[in-house]
Amino acid sequence: MAYSRWGSSFWYTYWANSENKHDKNEQLFEICDMAGPLNFKYSEIKQDIDRCLEVVRTFYKKEKEVEFVIPNSNSENTKIKTKSYALSEELLEELRTYMLEFIEDVDSTFYGKYKL
């Protein structure tokens, strides 16, 4: 289930598959990024959402190198550096709303209280 998509948001976030689909605390909230996914377990967000948001802030401040396989005559991978972002408080607060929606969804799924 996606909480946000790039077409209408800076974020692409969703409830991802966890290794243990029957353990509420292991459910994953994932943030897509070209440099790779950034994810948090339900238990991490529930215990300290502010710390999770600080991890995101730090992650986006770092310049990252991404390796793509682009077919060409010499069969070498192409490396691209992605820009770092100083995230605004507004973007982080928007992300907080998606994290809180995820918490609500996990709670209602694991307690059998489905929203209509």
Protein backbone atom coordinates (compact mmCIF):
# COMPACT_ATOMS: atom_id res chain seq x y z
CA MET A 1 0.00 0.00 0.00
CA ALA A 2 1.47 3.36 -1.03
CA TYR A 3 1.07 6.36 1.25
CA SER A 4 2.61 8.81 -1.20
CA ARG A 5 3.91 8.78 -4.76
CA TRP A 6 6.37 10.95 -6.65
CA GLY A 7 3.74 12.37 -8.97
CA SER A 8 2.14 14.33 -6.14
CA SER A 9 4.84 14.33 -3.46
CA PHE A 10 8.58 14.47 -2.89
CA TRP A 11 8.16 11.10 -1.15
CA TYR A 12 7.40 7.63 -2.45
CA THR A 13 6.44 5.65 0.65
CA TYR A 14 4.67 2.37 1.24
CA TRP A 15 4.09 -0.59 3.55
CA ALA A 16 6.69 -3.11 2.39
CA ASN A 17 6.85 -6.86 2.87
CA SER A 18 8.71 -7.91 5.97
CA GLU A 19 10.45 -11.24 6.50
CA ASN A 20 8.00 -12.07 9.26
CA LYS A 21 4.60 -11.04 7.93
CA HIS A 22 2.87 -12.23 11.12
CA ASP A 23 4.87 -10.04 13.51
CA LYS A 24 3.36 -6.59 13.94
CA ASN A 25 6.64 -5.06 15.14
CA GLU A 26 8.51 -6.26 12.05
CA GLN A 27 6.23 -4.55 9.51
CA LEU A 28 8.21 -2.17 7.30
CA PHE A 29 7.58 1.40 6.22
CA GLU A 30 9.74 2.04 3.17
CA ILE A 31 10.92 5.28 1.58
CA CYS A 32 12.12 4.87 -2.00
CA ASP A 33 15.26 6.65 -3.13
CA MET A 34 17.49 6.22 -6.19
CA ALA A 35 20.37 5.31 -3.89
CA GLY A 36 18.34 2.52 -2.36
CA PRO A 37 15.48 2.08 0.05
CA LEU A 38 15.35 3.49 3.54
CA ASN A 39 13.00 1.59 5.80
CA PHE A 40 11.83 1.52 9.39
CA LYS A 41 10.10 -1.18 11.37
CA TYR A 42 6.73 -0.48 12.92
CA SER A 43 8.33 -0.75 16.37
CA GLU A 44 10.97 1.89 15.54
CA ILE A 45 8.41 4.44 14.37
CA LYS A 46 6.05 3.68 17.24
CA GLN A 47 8.81 4.07 19.86
CA ASP A 48 10.46 7.22 18.51
CA ILE A 49 9.12 8.79 15.33
CA ASP A 50 11.32 11.86 15.83
CA ARG A 51 14.48 9.75 15.79
CA CYS A 52 13.30 8.09 12.57
CA LEU A 53 12.73 11.49 10.98
CA GLU A 54 16.23 12.55 12.06
CA VAL A 55 17.65 9.44 10.35
CA VAL A 56 15.82 10.50 7.17
CA ARG A 57 17.16 14.05 7.46
CA THR A 58 20.73 12.72 7.78
CA PHE A 59 20.27 10.22 4.93
CA TYR A 60 19.18 12.94 2.51
CA LYS A 61 22.01 15.29 3.51
CA LYS A 62 24.60 12.80 2.26
CA GLU A 63 25.68 12.74 -1.35
CA LYS A 64 25.23 9.20 -2.62
CA GLU A 65 26.70 7.27 -5.49
CA VAL A 66 24.32 5.06 -7.44
CA GLU A 67 25.47 2.39 -9.85
CA PHE A 68 23.29 1.63 -12.86
CA VAL A 69 23.74 -1.04 -15.48
CA ILE A 70 23.25 0.69 -18.80
CA PRO A 71 23.73 -1.53 -21.84
CA ASN A 72 26.64 -0.30 -23.93
CA SER A 73 29.43 -1.67 -26.07
CA ASN A 74 31.97 -2.06 -23.24
CA SER A 75 29.51 -3.66 -20.74
CA GLU A 76 30.63 -1.44 -17.86
CA ASN A 77 28.34 -0.10 -15.17
CA THR A 78 27.66 3.60 -15.07
CA LYS A 79 28.04 5.39 -11.73
CA ILE A 80 26.06 8.50 -10.98
CA LYS A 81 26.27 10.72 -7.91
CA THR A 82 22.96 11.93 -6.58
CA LYS A 83 22.55 15.35 -5.05
CA SER A 84 22.15 15.75 -1.35
CA TYR A 85 19.08 17.54 -0.04
CA ALA A 86 18.58 19.70 2.98
CA LEU A 87 15.01 18.68 3.70
CA SER A 88 12.60 21.37 4.80
CA GLU A 89 10.61 20.96 7.98
CA GLU A 90 7.51 20.95 5.79
CA LEU A 91 8.73 17.85 3.91
CA LEU A 92 9.61 16.09 7.15
CA GLU A 93 6.20 16.90 8.63
CA GLU A 94 4.56 15.54 5.49
CA LEU A 95 6.60 12.34 5.93
CA ARG A 96 5.47 12.18 9.57
CA THR A 97 1.85 12.05 8.38
CA TYR A 98 2.64 9.05 6.16
CA MET A 99 4.42 7.29 9.03
CA LEU A 100 1.41 7.88 11.27
CA GLU A 101 -0.93 6.49 8.59
CA PHE A 102 1.29 3.41 8.40
CA ILE A 103 1.09 2.96 12.21
CA GLU A 104 -2.72 3.24 12.03
CA ASP A 105 -2.91 0.71 9.22
CA VAL A 106 -0.68 -1.80 10.98
CA ASP A 107 -2.64 -1.39 14.21
CA SER A 108 -5.97 -1.95 12.49
CA THR A 109 -4.69 -4.87 10.42
CA PHE A 110 -3.20 -6.67 13.38
CA TYR A 111 -6.22 -6.07 15.61
CA GLY A 112 -8.81 -6.94 12.99
CA LYS A 113 -10.27 -3.43 12.92
CA TYR A 114 -10.49 -2.62 9.23
CA LYS A 115 -11.47 0.84 8.11
CA LEU A 116 -14.26 1.14 5.57
